Amino acid sequence: MPELLQTIESMQEKERQDKIFLASLQGVDLRDEQEEKGPTFEDIRLRAMGIEATTDDVVSLQGQIAAEAGFGIGAGLGYSKE
């Protein structure tokens, strides 16, 4: 069953790429609308360090990342996770 689902997804992706190509021949750019934005390098780095927060969250300022940002123990951040 997983093979069948992967085959169908691959066929749909190929059809989508064909439509994007044909639209580009007519001068229409569909790539910008269809591109998915994945996680940033910093978000992946946080997850690798075991921090479940995004880079725009104050909770992400822990450990090495806090030191790089200029914060540290007793450096004035004053936030605790509950």
C-alpha atoms as a PDB file:
ATOM      1  CA  MET A   1       0.000   0.000   0.000  1.00  0.00           C
ATOM      2  CA  PRO A   2       2.758   2.564   0.764  1.00  0.00           C
ATOM      3  CA  GLU A   3       4.255   1.894  -2.676  1.00  0.00           C
ATOM      4  CA  LEU A   4       0.926   2.666  -4.317  1.00  0.00           C
ATOM      5  CA  LEU A   5       0.551   5.908  -2.389  1.00  0.00           C
ATOM      6  CA  GLN A   6       4.102   6.949  -3.274  1.00  0.00           C
ATOM      7  CA  THR A   7       3.446   6.159  -6.939  1.00  0.00           C
ATOM      8  CA  ILE A   8       0.285   8.287  -6.944  1.00  0.00           C
ATOM      9  CA  GLU A   9       2.069  11.167  -5.193  1.00  0.00           C
ATOM     10  CA  SER A  10       4.903  10.967  -7.721  1.00  0.00           C
ATOM     11  CA  MET A  11       2.449  11.036 -10.612  1.00  0.00           C
ATOM     12  CA  GLN A  12       0.712  14.087  -9.147  1.00  0.00           C
ATOM     13  CA  GLU A  13       4.054  15.846  -8.653  1.00  0.00           C
ATOM     14  CA  LYS A  14       5.041  15.114 -12.259  1.00  0.00           C
ATOM     15  CA  GLU A  15       1.724  16.506 -13.504  1.00  0.00           C
ATOM     16  CA  ARG A  16       2.214  19.620 -11.367  1.00  0.00           C
ATOM     17  CA  GLN A  17       5.727  20.110 -12.772  1.00  0.00           C
ATOM     18  CA  ASP A  18       4.383  19.674 -16.326  1.00  0.00           C
ATOM     19  CA  LYS A  19       1.719  22.325 -15.697  1.00  0.00           C
ATOM     20  CA  ILE A  20       4.315  24.720 -14.298  1.00  0.00           C
ATOM     21  CA  PHE A  21       6.485  24.144 -17.374  1.00  0.00           C
ATOM     22  CA  LEU A  22       3.614  24.704 -19.818  1.00  0.00           C
ATOM     23  CA  ALA A  23       2.572  27.863 -17.966  1.00  0.00           C
ATOM     24  CA  SER A  24       6.138  29.182 -18.115  1.00  0.00           C
ATOM     25  CA  LEU A  25       6.119  28.705 -21.885  1.00  0.00           C
ATOM     26  CA  GLN A  26       3.131  31.070 -21.957  1.00  0.00           C
ATOM     27  CA  GLY A  27       4.883  33.603 -19.720  1.00  0.00           C
ATOM     28  CA  VAL A  28       3.155  32.750 -16.443  1.00  0.00           C
ATOM     29  CA  ASP A  29       5.335  31.952 -13.432  1.00  0.00           C
ATOM     30  CA  LEU A  30       3.603  29.498 -11.089  1.00  0.00           C
ATOM     31  CA  ARG A  31       6.693  28.499  -9.127  1.00  0.00           C
ATOM     32  CA  ASP A  32       6.514  31.338  -6.585  1.00  0.00           C
ATOM     33  CA  GLU A  33       2.957  30.489  -5.622  1.00  0.00           C
ATOM     34  CA  GLN A  34       3.618  26.756  -5.289  1.00  0.00           C
ATOM     35  CA  GLU A  35       6.941  26.662  -3.446  1.00  0.00           C
ATOM     36  CA  GLU A  36       6.705  25.480   0.122  1.00  0.00           C
ATOM     37  CA  LYS A  37       8.811  27.112   2.762  1.00  0.00           C
ATOM     38  CA  GLY A  38      10.485  24.685   5.085  1.00  0.00           C
ATOM     39  CA  PRO A  39      12.008  25.262   8.479  1.00  0.00           C
ATOM     40  CA  THR A  40      15.027  27.544   8.736  1.00  0.00           C
ATOM     41  CA  PHE A  41      18.485  26.380   9.719  1.00  0.00           C
ATOM     42  CA  GLU A  42      18.077  28.001  13.130  1.00  0.00           C
ATOM     43  CA  ASP A  43      14.784  26.158  13.750  1.00  0.00           C
ATOM     44  CA  ILE A  44      16.454  22.848  12.895  1.00  0.00           C
ATOM     45  CA  ARG A  45      19.387  23.739  15.135  1.00  0.00           C
ATOM     46  CA  LEU A  46      17.015  24.425  18.034  1.00  0.00           C
ATOM     47  CA  ARG A  47      15.279  21.075  17.581  1.00  0.00           C
ATOM     48  CA  ALA A  48      18.654  19.316  17.459  1.00  0.00           C
ATOM     49  CA  MET A  49      19.521  20.914  20.799  1.00  0.00           C
ATOM     50  CA  GLY A  50      16.210  19.697  22.274  1.00  0.00           C
ATOM     51  CA  ILE A  51      14.570  23.129  22.436  1.00  0.00           C
ATOM     52  CA  GLU A  52      10.930  22.996  21.369  1.00  0.00           C
ATOM     53  CA  ALA A  53      10.525  26.642  20.312  1.00  0.00           C
ATOM     54  CA  THR A  54      10.944  28.759  17.188  1.00  0.00           C
ATOM     55  CA  THR A  55      13.657  31.359  16.768  1.00  0.00           C
ATOM     56  CA  ASP A  56      11.230  34.216  17.418  1.00  0.00           C
ATOM     57  CA  ASP A  57      10.301  32.821  20.857  1.00  0.00           C
ATOM     58  CA  VAL A  58      12.177  33.958  23.968  1.00  0.00           C
ATOM     59  CA  VAL A  59      12.263  30.334  25.165  1.00  0.00           C
ATOM     60  CA  SER A  60      14.724  29.588  22.350  1.00  0.00           C
ATOM     61  CA  LEU A  61      17.384  31.702  24.110  1.00  0.00           C
ATOM     62  CA  GLN A  62      18.998  28.860  25.996  1.00  0.00           C
ATOM     63  CA  GLY A  63      22.506  27.459  26.247  1.00  0.00           C
ATOM     64  CA  GLN A  64      24.874  28.234  23.389  1.00  0.00           C
ATOM     65  CA  ILE A  65      22.231  30.225  21.498  1.00  0.00           C
ATOM     66  CA  ALA A  66      21.741  32.504  24.509  1.00  0.00           C
ATOM     67  CA  ALA A  67      25.483  33.031  24.760  1.00  0.00           C
ATOM     68  CA  GLU A  68      25.661  33.922  21.064  1.00  0.00           C
ATOM     69  CA  ALA A  69      22.823  36.411  21.511  1.00  0.00           C
ATOM     70  CA  GLY A  70      24.602  38.024  24.469  1.00  0.00           C
ATOM     71  CA  PHE A  71      22.452  36.525  27.195  1.00  0.00           C
ATOM     72  CA  GLY A  72      23.609  34.191  29.893  1.00  0.00           C
ATOM     73  CA  ILE A  73      23.002  33.252  33.479  1.00  0.00           C
ATOM     74  CA  GLY A  74      22.260  36.468  35.341  1.00  0.00           C
ATOM     75  CA  ALA A  75      22.654  38.592  32.204  1.00  0.00           C
ATOM     76  CA  GLY A  76      19.234  40.202  32.480  1.00  0.00           C
ATOM     77  CA  LEU A  77      16.869  38.027  30.470  1.00  0.00           C
ATOM     78  CA  GLY A  78      14.580  37.305  33.435  1.00  0.00           C
ATOM     79  CA  TYR A  79      12.294  34.682  31.882  1.00  0.00           C
ATOM     80  CA  SER A  80      11.430  31.254  33.186  1.00  0.00           C
ATOM     81  CA  LYS A  81       9.506  28.497  31.429  1.00  0.00           C
ATOM     82  CA  GLU A  82       6.518  27.220  33.415  1.00  0.00           C
END
